[in-house]
Amino acid sequence: QSSVLVMQSSVLVMQSSVLVMQSSVLGMQSHVLGMQSRVLGMQSRVLGMQSSVLGMQSRVLGMQSSVLVMLFETVGLCEERRGVANYSYDTGLLSMGMSREMWGYIQMAPYSL
């Protein structure tokens, strides 16, 4: 009976050592998982900052495009007014029977004498 008890105790010792090894492996795995979760947290924070930067850049681009649209509209209005002014100027000269070149020569005549 004593040999059976010794064998049973040695089996129990082996089982307890296996359990200790398994618990240490589980501890290492949980430590690795903790580090991985920390890394994922940092990556998600970095992605959040990048998305906020992209949002600000898109807002800036939107403001720039609206400014460009206003500039183009202003230039278009100026060109339209200039075209109307040139048209009325040309029709006024044509009604007097002159072209722009002739009117330019008449204006420069006092300086050429």
PDB file of N, CA and C in Angstrom:
ATOM      1  N   GLN A   1       0.814  -1.204   0.000  1.00  0.00           N
ATOM      2  CA  GLN A   1       0.000   0.000   0.000  1.00  0.00           C
ATOM      3  C   GLN A   1       0.852   1.261   0.000  1.00  0.00           C
ATOM      4  N   SER A   2       1.968   1.190   0.678  1.00  0.00           N
ATOM      5  CA  SER A   2       2.826   2.374   0.726  1.00  0.00           C
ATOM      6  C   SER A   2       3.376   2.694  -0.659  1.00  0.00           C
ATOM      7  N   SER A   3       3.708   1.673  -1.436  1.00  0.00           N
ATOM      8  CA  SER A   3       4.208   1.932  -2.791  1.00  0.00           C
ATOM      9  C   SER A   3       3.108   2.548  -3.650  1.00  0.00           C
ATOM     10  N   VAL A   4       1.885   2.105  -3.451  1.00  0.00           N
ATOM     11  CA  VAL A   4       0.767   2.692  -4.206  1.00  0.00           C
ATOM     12  C   VAL A   4       0.589   4.149  -3.807  1.00  0.00           C
ATOM     13  N   LEU A   5       0.705   4.424  -2.515  1.00  0.00           N
ATOM     14  CA  LEU A   5       0.574   5.807  -2.052  1.00  0.00           C
ATOM     15  C   LEU A   5       1.701   6.680  -2.599  1.00  0.00           C
ATOM     16  N   VAL A   6       2.914   6.107  -2.629  1.00  0.00           N
ATOM     17  CA  VAL A   6       4.050   6.853  -3.179  1.00  0.00           C
ATOM     18  C   VAL A   6       3.821   7.145  -4.646  1.00  0.00           C
ATOM     19  N   MET A   7       3.326   6.140  -5.373  1.00  0.00           N
ATOM     20  CA  MET A   7       3.059   6.351  -6.802  1.00  0.00           C
ATOM     21  C   MET A   7       1.968   7.398  -6.986  1.00  0.00           C
ATOM     22  N   GLN A   8       0.921   7.323  -6.169  1.00  0.00           N
ATOM     23  CA  GLN A   8      -0.157   8.305  -6.291  1.00  0.00           C
ATOM     24  C   GLN A   8       0.334   9.708  -5.952  1.00  0.00           C
ATOM     25  N   SER A   9       1.179   9.806  -4.937  1.00  0.00           N
ATOM     26  CA  SER A   9       1.702  11.123  -4.566  1.00  0.00           C
ATOM     27  C   SER A   9       2.616  11.670  -5.656  1.00  0.00           C
ATOM     28  N   SER A  10       3.419  10.778  -6.277  1.00  0.00           N
ATOM     29  CA  SER A  10       4.281  11.246  -7.365  1.00  0.00           C
ATOM     30  C   SER A  10       3.441  11.687  -8.558  1.00  0.00           C
ATOM     31  N   VAL A  11       2.342  10.973  -8.837  1.00  0.00           N
ATOM     32  CA  VAL A  11       1.439  11.380  -9.925  1.00  0.00           C
ATOM     33  C   VAL A  11       0.818  12.730  -9.608  1.00  0.00           C
ATOM     34  N   LEU A  12       0.422  12.915  -8.347  1.00  0.00           N
ATOM     35  CA  LEU A  12      -0.160  14.198  -7.947  1.00  0.00           C
ATOM     36  C   LEU A  12       0.860  15.329  -8.069  1.00  0.00           C
ATOM     37  N   VAL A  13       2.110  15.032  -7.702  1.00  0.00           N
ATOM     38  CA  VAL A  13       3.166  16.044  -7.833  1.00  0.00           C
ATOM     39  C   VAL A  13       3.369  16.406  -9.294  1.00  0.00           C
ATOM     40  N   MET A  14       3.382  15.374 -10.162  1.00  0.00           N
ATOM     41  CA  MET A  14       3.544  15.647 -11.593  1.00  0.00           C
ATOM     42  C   MET A  14       2.363  16.461 -12.123  1.00  0.00           C
ATOM     43  N   GLN A  15       1.161  16.103 -11.703  1.00  0.00           N
ATOM     44  CA  GLN A  15      -0.014  16.847 -12.155  1.00  0.00           C
ATOM     45  C   GLN A  15       0.028  18.297 -11.670  1.00  0.00           C
ATOM     46  N   SER A  16       0.467  18.496 -10.448  1.00  0.00           N
ATOM     47  CA  SER A  16       0.543  19.865  -9.923  1.00  0.00           C
ATOM     48  C   SER A  16       1.605  20.666 -10.670  1.00  0.00           C
ATOM     49  N   SER A  17       2.737  20.021 -11.026  1.00  0.00           N
ATOM     50  CA  SER A  17       3.768  20.733 -11.790  1.00  0.00           C
ATOM     51  C   SER A  17       3.255  21.085 -13.185  1.00  0.00           C
ATOM     52  N   VAL A  18       2.477  20.158 -13.787  1.00  0.00           N
ATOM     53  CA  VAL A  18       1.874  20.454 -15.095  1.00  0.00           C
ATOM     54  C   VAL A  18       0.908  21.627 -14.972  1.00  0.00           C
ATOM     55  N   LEU A  19       0.114  21.649 -13.902  1.00  0.00           N
ATOM     56  CA  LEU A  19      -0.821  22.754 -13.689  1.00  0.00           C
ATOM     57  C   LEU A  19      -0.081  24.078 -13.488  1.00  0.00           C
ATOM     58  N   VAL A  20       1.054  24.017 -12.759  1.00  0.00           N
ATOM     59  CA  VAL A  20       1.852  25.233 -12.561  1.00  0.00           C
ATOM     60  C   VAL A  20       2.383  25.735 -13.893  1.00  0.00           C
ATOM     61  N   MET A  21       2.877  24.806 -14.739  1.00  0.00           N
ATOM     62  CA  MET A  21       3.379  25.206 -16.054  1.00  0.00           C
ATOM     63  C   MET A  21       2.260  25.795 -16.904  1.00  0.00           C
ATOM     64  N   GLN A  22       1.089  25.164 -16.870  1.00  0.00           N
ATOM     65  CA  GLN A  22      -0.030  25.680 -17.651  1.00  0.00           C
ATOM     66  C   GLN A  22      -0.451  27.068 -17.171  1.00  0.00           C
ATOM     67  N   SER A  23      -0.451  27.272 -15.863  1.00  0.00           N
ATOM     68  CA  SER A  23      -0.841  28.589 -15.341  1.00  0.00           C
ATOM     69  C   SER A  23       0.184  29.651 -15.730  1.00  0.00           C
ATOM     70  N   SER A  24       1.487  29.277 -15.742  1.00  0.00           N
ATOM     71  CA  SER A  24       2.504  30.252 -16.156  1.00  0.00           C
ATOM     72  C   SER A  24       2.359  30.580 -17.640  1.00  0.00           C
ATOM     73  N   VAL A  25       2.040  29.550 -18.464  1.00  0.00           N
ATOM     74  CA  VAL A  25       1.808  29.800 -19.894  1.00  0.00           C
ATOM     75  C   VAL A  25       0.604  30.718 -20.076  1.00  0.00           C
ATOM     76  N   LEU A  26      -0.467  30.462 -19.324  1.00  0.00           N
ATOM     77  CA  LEU A  26      -1.652  31.320 -19.410  1.00  0.00           C
ATOM     78  C   LEU A  26      -1.335  32.749 -18.959  1.00  0.00           C
ATOM     79  N   GLY A  27      -0.490  32.871 -17.927  1.00  0.00           N
ATOM     80  CA  GLY A  27      -0.083  34.209 -17.484  1.00  0.00           C
ATOM     81  C   GLY A  27       0.674  34.950 -18.570  1.00  0.00           C
ATOM     82  N   MET A  28       1.616  34.237 -19.248  1.00  0.00           N
ATOM     83  CA  MET A  28       2.360  34.880 -20.331  1.00  0.00           C
ATOM     84  C   MET A  28       1.423  35.269 -21.473  1.00  0.00           C
ATOM     85  N   GLN A  29       0.480  34.383 -21.812  1.00  0.00           N
ATOM     86  CA  GLN A  29      -0.464  34.693 -22.882  1.00  0.00           C
ATOM     87  C   GLN A  29      -1.321  35.909 -22.529  1.00  0.00           C
ATOM     88  N   SER A  30      -1.772  35.997 -21.285  1.00  0.00           N
ATOM     89  CA  SER A  30      -2.580  37.156 -20.884  1.00  0.00           C
ATOM     90  C   SER A  30      -1.747  38.433 -20.925  1.00  0.00           C
ATOM     91  N   HIS A  31      -0.449  38.323 -20.559  1.00  0.00           N
ATOM     92  CA  HIS A  31       0.440  39.480 -20.639  1.00  0.00           C
ATOM     93  C   HIS A  31       0.594  39.932 -22.086  1.00  0.00           C
ATOM     94  N   VAL A  32       0.803  38.972 -23.002  1.00  0.00           N
ATOM     95  CA  VAL A  32       0.928  39.299 -24.430  1.00  0.00           C
ATOM     96  C   VAL A  32      -0.355  39.937 -24.948  1.00  0.00           C
ATOM     97  N   LEU A  33      -1.507  39.391 -24.548  1.00  0.00           N
ATOM     98  CA  LEU A  33      -2.785  39.964 -24.975  1.00  0.00           C
ATOM     99  C   LEU A  33      -2.964  41.385 -24.435  1.00  0.00           C
ATOM    100  N   GLY A  34      -2.511  41.617 -23.204  1.00  0.00           N
ATOM    101  CA  GLY A  34      -2.574  42.971 -22.649  1.00  0.00           C
ATOM    102  C   GLY A  34      -1.738  43.953 -23.448  1.00  0.00           C
ATOM    103  N   MET A  35      -0.506  43.519 -23.812  1.00  0.00           N
ATOM    104  CA  MET A  35       0.343  44.399 -24.618  1.00  0.00           C
ATOM    105  C   MET A  35      -0.288  44.657 -25.983  1.00  0.00           C
ATOM    106  N   GLN A  36      -0.850  43.605 -26.602  1.00  0.00           N
ATOM    107  CA  GLN A  36      -1.494  43.783 -27.896  1.00  0.00           C
ATOM    108  C   GLN A  36      -2.684  44.739 -27.800  1.00  0.00           C
ATOM    109  N   SER A  37      -3.456  44.635 -26.728  1.00  0.00           N
ATOM    110  CA  SER A  37      -4.597  45.546 -26.574  1.00  0.00           C
ATOM    111  C   SER A  37      -4.117  46.976 -26.375  1.00  0.00           C
ATOM    112  N   ARG A  38      -2.992  47.168 -25.660  1.00  0.00           N
ATOM    113  CA  ARG A  38      -2.437  48.515 -25.502  1.00  0.00           C
ATOM    114  C   ARG A  38      -1.978  49.074 -26.844  1.00  0.00           C
ATOM    115  N   VAL A  39      -1.308  48.212 -27.649  1.00  0.00           N
ATOM    116  CA  VAL A  39      -0.859  48.652 -28.977  1.00  0.00           C
ATOM    117  C   VAL A  39      -2.054  49.020 -29.847  1.00  0.00           C
ATOM    118  N   LEU A  40      -3.113  48.201 -29.804  1.00  0.00           N
ATOM    119  CA  LEU A  40      -4.314  48.507 -30.588  1.00  0.00           C
ATOM    120  C   LEU A  40      -4.962  49.809 -30.118  1.00  0.00           C
ATOM    121  N   GLY A  41      -4.941  50.054 -28.813  1.00  0.00           N
ATOM    122  CA  GLY A  41      -5.473  51.317 -28.297  1.00  0.00           C
ATOM    123  C   GLY A  41      -4.701  52.511 -28.821  1.00  0.00           C
ATOM    124  N   MET A  42      -3.350  52.393 -28.817  1.00  0.00           N
ATOM    125  CA  MET A  42      -2.543  53.494 -29.344  1.00  0.00           C
ATOM    126  C   MET A  42      -2.800  53.689 -30.832  1.00  0.00           C
ATOM    127  N   GLN A  43      -2.898  52.583 -31.585  1.00  0.00           N
ATOM    128  CA  GLN A  43      -3.170  52.699 -33.014  1.00  0.00           C
ATOM    129  C   GLN A  43      -4.522  53.350 -33.267  1.00  0.00           C
ATOM    130  N   SER A  44      -5.528  53.007 -32.468  1.00  0.00           N
ATOM    131  CA  SER A  44      -6.846  53.623 -32.659  1.00  0.00           C
ATOM    132  C   SER A  44      -6.792  55.109 -32.328  1.00  0.00           C
ATOM    133  N   ARG A  45      -5.989  55.485 -31.309  1.00  0.00           N
ATOM    134  CA  ARG A  45      -5.839  56.911 -31.004  1.00  0.00           C
ATOM    135  C   ARG A  45      -5.165  57.643 -32.159  1.00  0.00           C
ATOM    136  N   VAL A  46      -4.108  57.019 -32.730  1.00  0.00           N
ATOM    137  CA  VAL A  46      -3.416  57.637 -33.866  1.00  0.00           C
ATOM    138  C   VAL A  46      -4.364  57.782 -35.052  1.00  0.00           C
ATOM    139  N   LEU A  47      -5.167  56.745 -35.319  1.00  0.00           N
ATOM    140  CA  LEU A  47      -6.132  56.830 -36.418  1.00  0.00           C
ATOM    141  C   LEU A  47      -7.171  57.913 -36.158  1.00  0.00           C
ATOM    142  N   GLY A  48      -7.584  58.064 -34.908  1.00  0.00           N
ATOM    143  CA  GLY A  48      -8.520  59.136 -34.574  1.00  0.00           C
ATOM    144  C   GLY A  48      -7.926  60.510 -34.841  1.00  0.00           C
ATOM    145  N   MET A  49      -6.656  60.696 -34.453  1.00  0.00           N
ATOM    146  CA  MET A  49      -6.011  61.984 -34.718  1.00  0.00           C
ATOM    147  C   MET A  49      -5.870  62.222 -36.211  1.00  0.00           C
ATOM    148  N   GLN A  50      -5.488  61.174 -36.969  1.00  0.00           N
ATOM    149  CA  GLN A  50      -5.360  61.324 -38.416  1.00  0.00           C
ATOM    150  C   GLN A  50      -6.696  61.671 -39.052  1.00  0.00           C
ATOM    151  N   SER A  51      -7.772  61.053 -38.586  1.00  0.00           N
ATOM    152  CA  SER A  51      -9.082  61.359 -39.163  1.00  0.00           C
ATOM    153  C   SER A  51      -9.499  62.785 -38.833  1.00  0.00           C
ATOM    154  N   SER A  52      -9.159  63.267 -37.629  1.00  0.00           N
ATOM    155  CA  SER A  52      -9.495  64.659 -37.305  1.00  0.00           C
ATOM    156  C   SER A  52      -8.676  65.623 -38.153  1.00  0.00           C
ATOM    157  N   VAL A  53      -7.389  65.287 -38.404  1.00  0.00           N
ATOM    158  CA  VAL A  53      -6.566  66.129 -39.280  1.00  0.00           C
ATOM    159  C   VAL A  53      -7.139  66.147 -40.692  1.00  0.00           C
ATOM    160  N   LEU A  54      -7.562  64.969 -41.185  1.00  0.00           N
ATOM    161  CA  LEU A  54      -8.171  64.919 -42.518  1.00  0.00           C
ATOM    162  C   LEU A  54      -9.468  65.720 -42.560  1.00  0.00           C
ATOM    163  N   GLY A  55     -10.237  65.674 -41.475  1.00  0.00           N
ATOM    164  CA  GLY A  55     -11.451  66.479 -41.423  1.00  0.00           C
ATOM    165  C   GLY A  55     -11.152  67.963 -41.504  1.00  0.00           C
ATOM    166  N   MET A  56     -10.116  68.413 -40.756  1.00  0.00           N
ATOM    167  CA  MET A  56      -9.747  69.827 -40.815  1.00  0.00           C
ATOM    168  C   MET A  56      -9.257  70.201 -42.205  1.00  0.00           C
ATOM    169  N   GLN A  57      -8.454  69.309 -42.837  1.00  0.00           N
ATOM    170  CA  GLN A  57      -7.974  69.593 -44.188  1.00  0.00           C
ATOM    171  C   GLN A  57      -9.122  69.687 -45.176  1.00  0.00           C
ATOM    172  N   SER A  58     -10.116  68.808 -45.034  1.00  0.00           N
ATOM    173  CA  SER A  58     -11.255  68.874 -45.954  1.00  0.00           C
ATOM    174  C   SER A  58     -12.051  70.152 -45.729  1.00  0.00           C
ATOM    175  N   ARG A  59     -12.154  70.606 -44.449  1.00  0.00           N
ATOM    176  CA  ARG A  59     -12.838  71.874 -44.190  1.00  0.00           C
ATOM    177  C   ARG A  59     -12.082  73.034 -44.827  1.00  0.00           C
ATOM    178  N   VAL A  60     -10.730  73.016 -44.704  1.00  0.00           N
ATOM    179  CA  VAL A  60      -9.920  74.081 -45.306  1.00  0.00           C
ATOM    180  C   VAL A  60     -10.078  74.069 -46.823  1.00  0.00           C
ATOM    181  N   LEU A  61     -10.074  72.868 -47.423  1.00  0.00           N
ATOM    182  CA  LEU A  61     -10.261  72.778 -48.874  1.00  0.00           C
ATOM    183  C   LEU A  61     -11.638  73.282 -49.280  1.00  0.00           C
ATOM    184  N   GLY A  62     -12.643  72.995 -48.472  1.00  0.00           N
ATOM    185  CA  GLY A  62     -13.980  73.509 -48.768  1.00  0.00           C
ATOM    186  C   GLY A  62     -14.016  75.024 -48.740  1.00  0.00           C
ATOM    187  N   MET A  63     -13.351  75.625 -47.718  1.00  0.00           N
ATOM    188  CA  MET A  63     -13.321  77.086 -47.659  1.00  0.00           C
ATOM    189  C   MET A  63     -12.556  77.662 -48.845  1.00  0.00           C
ATOM    190  N   GLN A  64     -11.429  77.023 -49.214  1.00  0.00           N
ATOM    191  CA  GLN A  64     -10.663  77.510 -50.358  1.00  0.00           C
ATOM    192  C   GLN A  64     -11.474  77.423 -51.639  1.00  0.00           C
ATOM    193  N   SER A  65     -12.219  76.339 -51.815  1.00  0.00           N
ATOM    194  CA  SER A  65     -13.021  76.202 -53.031  1.00  0.00           C
ATOM    195  C   SER A  65     -14.132  77.241 -53.061  1.00  0.00           C
ATOM    196  N   SER A  66     -14.728  77.553 -51.895  1.00  0.00           N
ATOM    197  CA  SER A  66     -15.769  78.587 -51.886  1.00  0.00           C
ATOM    198  C   SER A  66     -15.171  79.952 -52.208  1.00  0.00           C
ATOM    199  N   VAL A  67     -13.941  80.225 -51.697  1.00  0.00           N
ATOM    200  CA  VAL A  67     -13.274  81.488 -52.030  1.00  0.00           C
ATOM    201  C   VAL A  67     -12.978  81.555 -53.524  1.00  0.00           C
ATOM    202  N   LEU A  68     -12.521  80.429 -54.101  1.00  0.00           N
ATOM    203  CA  LEU A  68     -12.253  80.409 -55.543  1.00  0.00           C
ATOM    204  C   LEU A  68     -13.525  80.635 -56.344  1.00  0.00           C
ATOM    205  N   VAL A  69     -14.627  80.044 -55.899  1.00  0.00           N
ATOM    206  CA  VAL A  69     -15.894  80.253 -56.601  1.00  0.00           C
ATOM    207  C   VAL A  69     -16.286  81.721 -56.551  1.00  0.00           C
ATOM    208  N   MET A  70     -16.111  82.358 -55.364  1.00  0.00           N
ATOM    209  CA  MET A  70     -16.442  83.784 -55.270  1.00  0.00           C
ATOM    210  C   MET A  70     -15.538  84.616 -56.180  1.00  0.00           C
ATOM    211  N   LEU A  71     -14.231  84.255 -56.228  1.00  0.00           N
ATOM    212  CA  LEU A  71     -13.313  84.988 -57.103  1.00  0.00           C
ATOM    213  C   LEU A  71     -13.706  84.833 -58.567  1.00  0.00           C
ATOM    214  N   PHE A  72     -14.040  83.599 -58.969  1.00  0.00           N
ATOM    215  CA  PHE A  72     -14.445  83.381 -60.354  1.00  0.00           C
ATOM    216  C   PHE A  72     -15.718  84.150 -60.680  1.00  0.00           C
ATOM    217  N   GLU A  73     -16.658  84.184 -59.723  1.00  0.00           N
ATOM    218  CA  GLU A  73     -17.882  84.945 -59.965  1.00  0.00           C
ATOM    219  C   GLU A  73     -17.574  86.431 -60.100  1.00  0.00           C
ATOM    220  N   THR A  74     -16.652  86.939 -59.235  1.00  0.00           N
ATOM    221  CA  THR A  74     -16.279  88.356 -59.319  1.00  0.00           C
ATOM    222  C   THR A  74     -15.605  88.659 -60.642  1.00  0.00           C
ATOM    223  N   VAL A  75     -14.668  87.782 -61.061  1.00  0.00           N
ATOM    224  CA  VAL A  75     -13.983  87.990 -62.342  1.00  0.00           C
ATOM    225  C   VAL A  75     -14.984  87.931 -63.488  1.00  0.00           C
ATOM    226  N   GLY A  76     -15.932  86.997 -63.392  1.00  0.00           N
ATOM    227  CA  GLY A  76     -16.946  86.905 -64.441  1.00  0.00           C
ATOM    228  C   GLY A  76     -17.786  88.158 -64.520  1.00  0.00           C
ATOM    229  N   LEU A  77     -18.166  88.719 -63.354  1.00  0.00           N
ATOM    230  CA  LEU A  77     -18.941  89.963 -63.357  1.00  0.00           C
ATOM    231  C   LEU A  77     -18.127  91.113 -63.929  1.00  0.00           C
ATOM    232  N   CYS A  78     -16.826  91.187 -63.553  1.00  0.00           N
ATOM    233  CA  CYS A  78     -15.973  92.251 -64.096  1.00  0.00           C
ATOM    234  C   CYS A  78     -15.841  92.119 -65.606  1.00  0.00           C
ATOM    235  N   GLU A  79     -15.624  90.887 -66.081  1.00  0.00           N
ATOM    236  CA  GLU A  79     -15.506  90.687 -67.527  1.00  0.00           C
ATOM    237  C   GLU A  79     -16.807  91.044 -68.233  1.00  0.00           C
ATOM    238  N   GLU A  80     -17.927  90.702 -67.585  1.00  0.00           N
ATOM    239  CA  GLU A  80     -19.216  91.018 -68.195  1.00  0.00           C
ATOM    240  C   GLU A  80     -19.406  92.526 -68.281  1.00  0.00           C
ATOM    241  N   ARG A  81     -19.061  93.252 -67.193  1.00  0.00           N
ATOM    242  CA  ARG A  81     -19.184  94.714 -67.215  1.00  0.00           C
ATOM    243  C   ARG A  81     -18.242  95.320 -68.244  1.00  0.00           C
ATOM    244  N   ARG A  82     -16.999  94.771 -68.309  1.00  0.00           N
ATOM    245  CA  ARG A  82     -16.039  95.288 -69.274  1.00  0.00           C
ATOM    246  C   ARG A  82     -16.537  95.061 -70.692  1.00  0.00           C
ATOM    247  N   GLY A  83     -17.129  93.883 -70.906  1.00  0.00           N
ATOM    248  CA  GLY A  83     -17.671  93.608 -72.240  1.00  0.00           C
ATOM    249  C   GLY A  83     -18.790  94.560 -72.594  1.00  0.00           C
ATOM    250  N   VAL A  84     -19.686  94.850 -71.628  1.00  0.00           N
ATOM    251  CA  VAL A  84     -20.768  95.808 -71.886  1.00  0.00           C
ATOM    252  C   VAL A  84     -20.194  97.189 -72.146  1.00  0.00           C
ATOM    253  N   ALA A  85     -19.166  97.582 -71.341  1.00  0.00           N
ATOM    254  CA  ALA A  85     -18.557  98.902 -71.537  1.00  0.00           C
ATOM    255  C   ALA A  85     -17.876  98.984 -72.893  1.00  0.00           C
ATOM    256  N   ASN A  86     -17.130  97.938 -73.275  1.00  0.00           N
ATOM    257  CA  ASN A  86     -16.466  97.942 -74.580  1.00  0.00           C
ATOM    258  C   ASN A  86     -17.486  97.988 -75.702  1.00  0.00           C
ATOM    259  N   TYR A  87     -18.567  97.259 -75.525  1.00  0.00           N
ATOM    260  CA  TYR A  87     -19.602  97.244 -76.563  1.00  0.00           C
ATOM    261  C   TYR A  87     -20.210  98.634 -76.733  1.00  0.00           C
ATOM    262  N   SER A  88     -20.530  99.301 -75.595  1.00  0.00           N
ATOM    263  CA  SER A  88     -21.124 100.637 -75.708  1.00  0.00           C
ATOM    264  C   SER A  88     -20.106 101.631 -76.255  1.00  0.00           C
ATOM    265  N   TYR A  89     -18.816 101.480 -75.892  1.00  0.00           N
ATOM    266  CA  TYR A  89     -17.758 102.355 -76.402  1.00  0.00           C
ATOM    267  C   TYR A  89     -17.625 102.192 -77.909  1.00  0.00           C
ATOM    268  N   ASP A  90     -17.594 100.907 -78.352  1.00  0.00           N
ATOM    269  CA  ASP A  90     -17.471 100.654 -79.789  1.00  0.00           C
ATOM    270  C   ASP A  90     -18.687 101.157 -80.550  1.00  0.00           C
ATOM    271  N   THR A  91     -19.882 100.952 -80.014  1.00  0.00           N
ATOM    272  CA  THR A  91     -21.073 101.433 -80.729  1.00  0.00           C
ATOM    273  C   THR A  91     -21.097 102.953 -80.767  1.00  0.00           C
ATOM    274  N   GLY A  92     -20.598 103.606 -79.704  1.00  0.00           N
ATOM    275  CA  GLY A  92     -20.517 105.073 -79.734  1.00  0.00           C
ATOM    276  C   GLY A  92     -19.563 105.556 -80.799  1.00  0.00           C
ATOM    277  N   LEU A  93     -18.391 104.903 -80.920  1.00  0.00           N
ATOM    278  CA  LEU A  93     -17.438 105.296 -81.963  1.00  0.00           C
ATOM    279  C   LEU A  93     -17.999 105.011 -83.346  1.00  0.00           C
ATOM    280  N   LEU A  94     -18.658 103.864 -83.496  1.00  0.00           N
ATOM    281  CA  LEU A  94     -19.219 103.520 -84.804  1.00  0.00           C
ATOM    282  C   LEU A  94     -20.323 104.491 -85.204  1.00  0.00           C
ATOM    283  N   SER A  95     -21.068 104.980 -84.220  1.00  0.00           N
ATOM    284  CA  SER A  95     -22.123 105.936 -84.562  1.00  0.00           C
ATOM    285  C   SER A  95     -21.534 107.245 -85.068  1.00  0.00           C
ATOM    286  N   MET A  96     -20.275 107.557 -84.641  1.00  0.00           N
ATOM    287  CA  MET A  96     -19.606 108.743 -85.167  1.00  0.00           C
ATOM    288  C   MET A  96     -18.810 108.418 -86.420  1.00  0.00           C
ATOM    289  N   GLY A  97     -18.842 107.175 -86.854  1.00  0.00           N
ATOM    290  CA  GLY A  97     -18.122 106.788 -88.065  1.00  0.00           C
ATOM    291  C   GLY A  97     -16.645 106.575 -87.844  1.00  0.00           C
ATOM    292  N   MET A  98     -16.236 106.214 -86.641  1.00  0.00           N
ATOM    293  CA  MET A  98     -14.818 105.999 -86.343  1.00  0.00           C
ATOM    294  C   MET A  98     -14.599 104.594 -85.810  1.00  0.00           C
ATOM    295  N   SER A  99     -13.341 104.188 -85.929  1.00  0.00           N
ATOM    296  CA  SER A  99     -12.943 102.938 -85.279  1.00  0.00           C
ATOM    297  C   SER A  99     -12.087 103.284 -84.059  1.00  0.00           C
ATOM    298  N   ARG A 100     -11.687 102.288 -83.338  1.00  0.00           N
ATOM    299  CA  ARG A 100     -10.829 102.536 -82.171  1.00  0.00           C
ATOM    300  C   ARG A 100      -9.478 103.106 -82.587  1.00  0.00           C
ATOM    301  N   GLU A 101      -8.952 102.600 -83.691  1.00  0.00           N
ATOM    302  CA  GLU A 101      -7.637 103.070 -84.137  1.00  0.00           C
ATOM    303  C   GLU A 101      -7.683 104.549 -84.496  1.00  0.00           C
ATOM    304  N   MET A 102      -8.748 104.929 -85.222  1.00  0.00           N
ATOM    305  CA  MET A 102      -8.866 106.338 -85.599  1.00  0.00           C
ATOM    306  C   MET A 102      -8.984 107.220 -84.362  1.00  0.00           C
ATOM    307  N   TRP A 103      -9.773 106.792 -83.384  1.00  0.00           N
ATOM    308  CA  TRP A 103      -9.930 107.567 -82.156  1.00  0.00           C
ATOM    309  C   TRP A 103      -8.613 107.649 -81.399  1.00  0.00           C
ATOM    310  N   GLY A 104      -7.824 106.589 -81.432  1.00  0.00           N
ATOM    311  CA  GLY A 104      -6.508 106.618 -80.806  1.00  0.00           C
ATOM    312  C   GLY A 104      -5.582 107.605 -81.495  1.00  0.00           C
ATOM    313  N   TYR A 105      -5.615 107.640 -82.836  1.00  0.00           N
ATOM    314  CA  TYR A 105      -4.786 108.607 -83.565  1.00  0.00           C
ATOM    315  C   TYR A 105      -5.214 110.036 -83.247  1.00  0.00           C
ATOM    316  N   ILE A 106      -6.523 110.263 -83.158  1.00  0.00           N
ATOM    317  CA  ILE A 106      -7.013 111.612 -82.854  1.00  0.00           C
ATOM    318  C   ILE A 106      -6.574 112.035 -81.457  1.00  0.00           C
ATOM    319  N   GLN A 107      -6.605 111.106 -80.516  1.00  0.00           N
ATOM    320  CA  GLN A 107      -6.186 111.450 -79.158  1.00  0.00           C
ATOM    321  C   GLN A 107      -4.691 111.716 -79.076  1.00  0.00           C
ATOM    322  N   MET A 108      -3.879 111.031 -79.880  1.00  0.00           N
ATOM    323  CA  MET A 108      -2.425 111.193 -79.833  1.00  0.00           C
ATOM    324  C   MET A 108      -1.940 112.330 -80.717  1.00  0.00           C
ATOM    325  N   ALA A 109      -2.822 112.909 -81.517  1.00  0.00           N
ATOM    326  CA  ALA A 109      -2.387 113.937 -82.473  1.00  0.00           C
ATOM    327  C   ALA A 109      -1.739 115.141 -81.797  1.00  0.00           C
ATOM    328  N   PRO A 110      -2.256 115.685 -80.696  1.00  0.00           N
ATOM    329  CA  PRO A 110      -1.582 116.855 -80.103  1.00  0.00           C
ATOM    330  C   PRO A 110      -0.166 116.553 -79.627  1.00  0.00           C
ATOM    331  N   TYR A 111       0.087 115.307 -79.233  1.00  0.00           N
ATOM    332  CA  TYR A 111       1.421 114.968 -78.727  1.00  0.00           C
ATOM    333  C   TYR A 111       2.402 114.698 -79.862  1.00  0.00           C
ATOM    334  N   SER A 112       1.882 114.408 -81.042  1.00  0.00           N
ATOM    335  CA  SER A 112       2.792 114.105 -82.155  1.00  0.00           C
ATOM    336  C   SER A 112       3.205 115.357 -82.905  1.00  0.00           C
ATOM    337  N   LEU A 113       2.582 116.477 -82.627  1.00  0.00           N
ATOM    338  CA  LEU A 113       2.953 117.726 -83.316  1.00  0.00           C
ATOM    339  C   LEU A 113       4.176 118.353 -82.687  1.00  0.00           C
TER     340      LEU A 113
END
